[in-house]
């Protein structure tokens, strides 16, 4: 099928280049099939808090301890939460604030805990 019947006898270089023609609408059967997009299976959170009676631990998905929070010993006043994450540590007045400090420290890349 020739798109230019009036240029029938001319050499190829006299005809417009391929692709300069008006696009012909392709039928749906001629289009390439669209590959279905596979959704990744959600495998749970990367980190989680492990809750204990007087201590809490911040662990990664493999169970490695990233941070910890301990409540002050029973009978000792004032009631404070001591937190440790990597090389950073501190004291906070509430568990919520101590958890935030541990998560911030881990977010900064402080991941090395004490060896023993």
Protein backbone atom coordinates (compact mmCIF):
# COMPACT_ATOMS: atom_id res chain seq x y z
CA UNK A 1 0.00 0.00 0.00
CA UNK A 2 1.51 3.30 -1.07
CA UNK A 3 0.60 6.40 0.95
CA UNK A 4 1.66 8.74 -1.89
CA UNK A 5 0.05 7.67 -5.18
CA UNK A 6 1.08 10.92 -6.91
CA UNK A 7 4.81 10.15 -6.29
CA UNK A 8 4.59 6.64 -7.76
CA UNK A 9 7.42 6.79 -10.33
CA UNK A 10 9.94 8.84 -8.30
CA UNK A 11 13.02 7.33 -6.59
CA UNK A 12 12.89 6.59 -2.86
CA UNK A 13 14.90 9.66 -1.81
CA UNK A 14 12.25 11.93 -3.35
CA UNK A 15 9.53 10.48 -1.14
CA UNK A 16 9.03 11.72 2.44
CA UNK A 17 10.93 9.73 5.07
CA UNK A 18 9.20 6.99 6.99
CA UNK A 19 7.55 8.35 10.12
CA UNK A 20 6.65 11.73 8.65
CA UNK A 21 3.28 10.49 7.54
CA UNK A 22 0.14 11.04 9.55
CA UNK A 23 -0.08 8.28 12.13
CA UNK A 24 -2.58 5.61 11.24
CA UNK A 25 -4.68 4.59 14.21
CA UNK A 26 -3.64 1.10 15.23
CA UNK A 27 -6.26 -1.46 15.98
CA UNK A 28 -6.27 -2.91 19.51
CA UNK A 29 -5.12 -6.28 18.18
CA UNK A 30 -1.89 -4.77 16.78
CA UNK A 31 -0.76 -3.08 20.00
CA UNK A 32 1.71 -4.93 22.20
CA UNK A 33 0.17 -6.57 25.24
CA UNK A 34 0.66 -4.68 28.49
CA UNK A 35 2.54 -6.69 31.09
CA UNK A 36 0.63 -6.95 34.35
CA UNK A 37 2.30 -5.01 37.17
CA UNK A 38 3.18 -7.39 39.98
CA UNK A 39 2.63 -5.94 43.40
CA UNK A 40 5.23 -6.75 46.01
CA UNK A 41 4.02 -8.65 49.01
CA UNK A 42 4.09 -6.54 52.16
CA UNK A 43 6.42 -8.23 54.62
CA UNK A 44 5.69 -6.20 57.72
CA UNK A 45 7.42 -3.24 59.31
CA UNK A 46 11.20 -2.89 59.14
CA UNK A 47 11.50 -2.11 62.86
CA UNK A 48 9.28 -2.79 65.85
CA UNK A 49 9.10 -2.27 69.58
CA UNK A 50 9.29 -5.28 71.86
CA UNK A 51 7.50 -4.56 75.11
CA UNK A 52 8.64 -5.93 78.44
CA UNK A 53 7.64 -5.42 82.06
CA UNK A 54 10.23 -2.78 83.01
CA UNK A 55 12.12 -2.47 79.72
CA UNK A 56 11.39 -2.03 76.02
CA UNK A 57 13.58 -2.96 73.05
CA UNK A 58 13.65 -1.52 69.55
CA UNK A 59 14.46 -4.32 67.06
CA UNK A 60 14.80 -4.65 63.31
CA UNK A 61 12.97 -7.26 61.23
CA UNK A 62 15.72 -9.83 61.85
CA UNK A 63 15.44 -9.42 65.61
CA UNK A 64 18.69 -7.49 66.05
CA UNK A 65 18.49 -5.07 68.98
CA UNK A 66 18.83 -1.45 67.86
CA UNK A 67 17.87 0.36 71.08
CA UNK A 68 16.54 -0.17 74.56
CA UNK A 69 14.62 1.67 77.28
CA UNK A 70 14.71 0.78 80.98
CA UNK A 71 12.49 2.07 83.74
CA UNK A 72 14.25 3.28 86.89
CA UNK A 73 14.56 0.61 89.64
CA UNK A 74 11.51 -0.08 91.76
CA UNK A 75 11.24 2.28 94.72
CA UNK A 76 13.63 4.85 93.28
CA UNK A 77 12.24 8.34 92.79
CA UNK A 78 11.87 10.18 90.46
CA UNK A 79 10.45 7.69 87.99
CA UNK A 80 12.55 8.07 84.81
CA UNK A 81 13.18 6.15 81.60
CA UNK A 82 16.81 5.54 80.63
CA UNK A 83 17.32 4.97 76.92
CA UNK A 84 20.29 3.67 74.92
CA UNK A 85 20.62 3.59 71.13
CA UNK A 86 23.99 2.95 69.56
CA UNK A 87 26.50 5.26 71.21
CA UNK A 88 23.85 7.69 72.46
CA UNK A 89 21.98 7.51 75.76
CA UNK A 90 19.78 9.72 77.89
CA UNK A 91 17.04 10.09 80.47
CA UNK A 92 13.45 11.07 79.76
CA UNK A 93 10.40 11.61 81.93
CA UNK A 94 7.97 9.57 79.83
CA UNK A 95 8.05 6.43 77.74
CA UNK A 96 6.74 8.28 74.69
CA UNK A 97 9.61 10.77 74.76
CA UNK A 98 12.18 8.03 75.35
CA UNK A 99 10.84 6.08 72.36
CA UNK A 100 11.11 9.18 70.19
CA UNK A 101 14.73 9.71 71.23
CA UNK A 102 15.64 6.11 70.41
CA UNK A 103 13.93 6.30 67.00
CA UNK A 104 15.69 9.60 66.23
CA UNK A 105 19.07 8.16 67.21
CA UNK A 106 18.52 5.12 64.99
CA UNK A 107 17.37 7.41 62.19
CA UNK A 108 20.71 9.22 62.35
CA UNK A 109 22.54 5.93 61.79
CA UNK A 110 23.65 5.18 65.35
CA UNK A 111 23.30 1.39 65.22
CA UNK A 112 26.21 -0.06 67.12
CA UNK A 113 25.20 -1.40 70.51
CA UNK A 114 27.53 -2.39 73.32
CA UNK A 115 29.25 -5.73 72.77
CA UNK A 116 28.47 -7.22 76.19
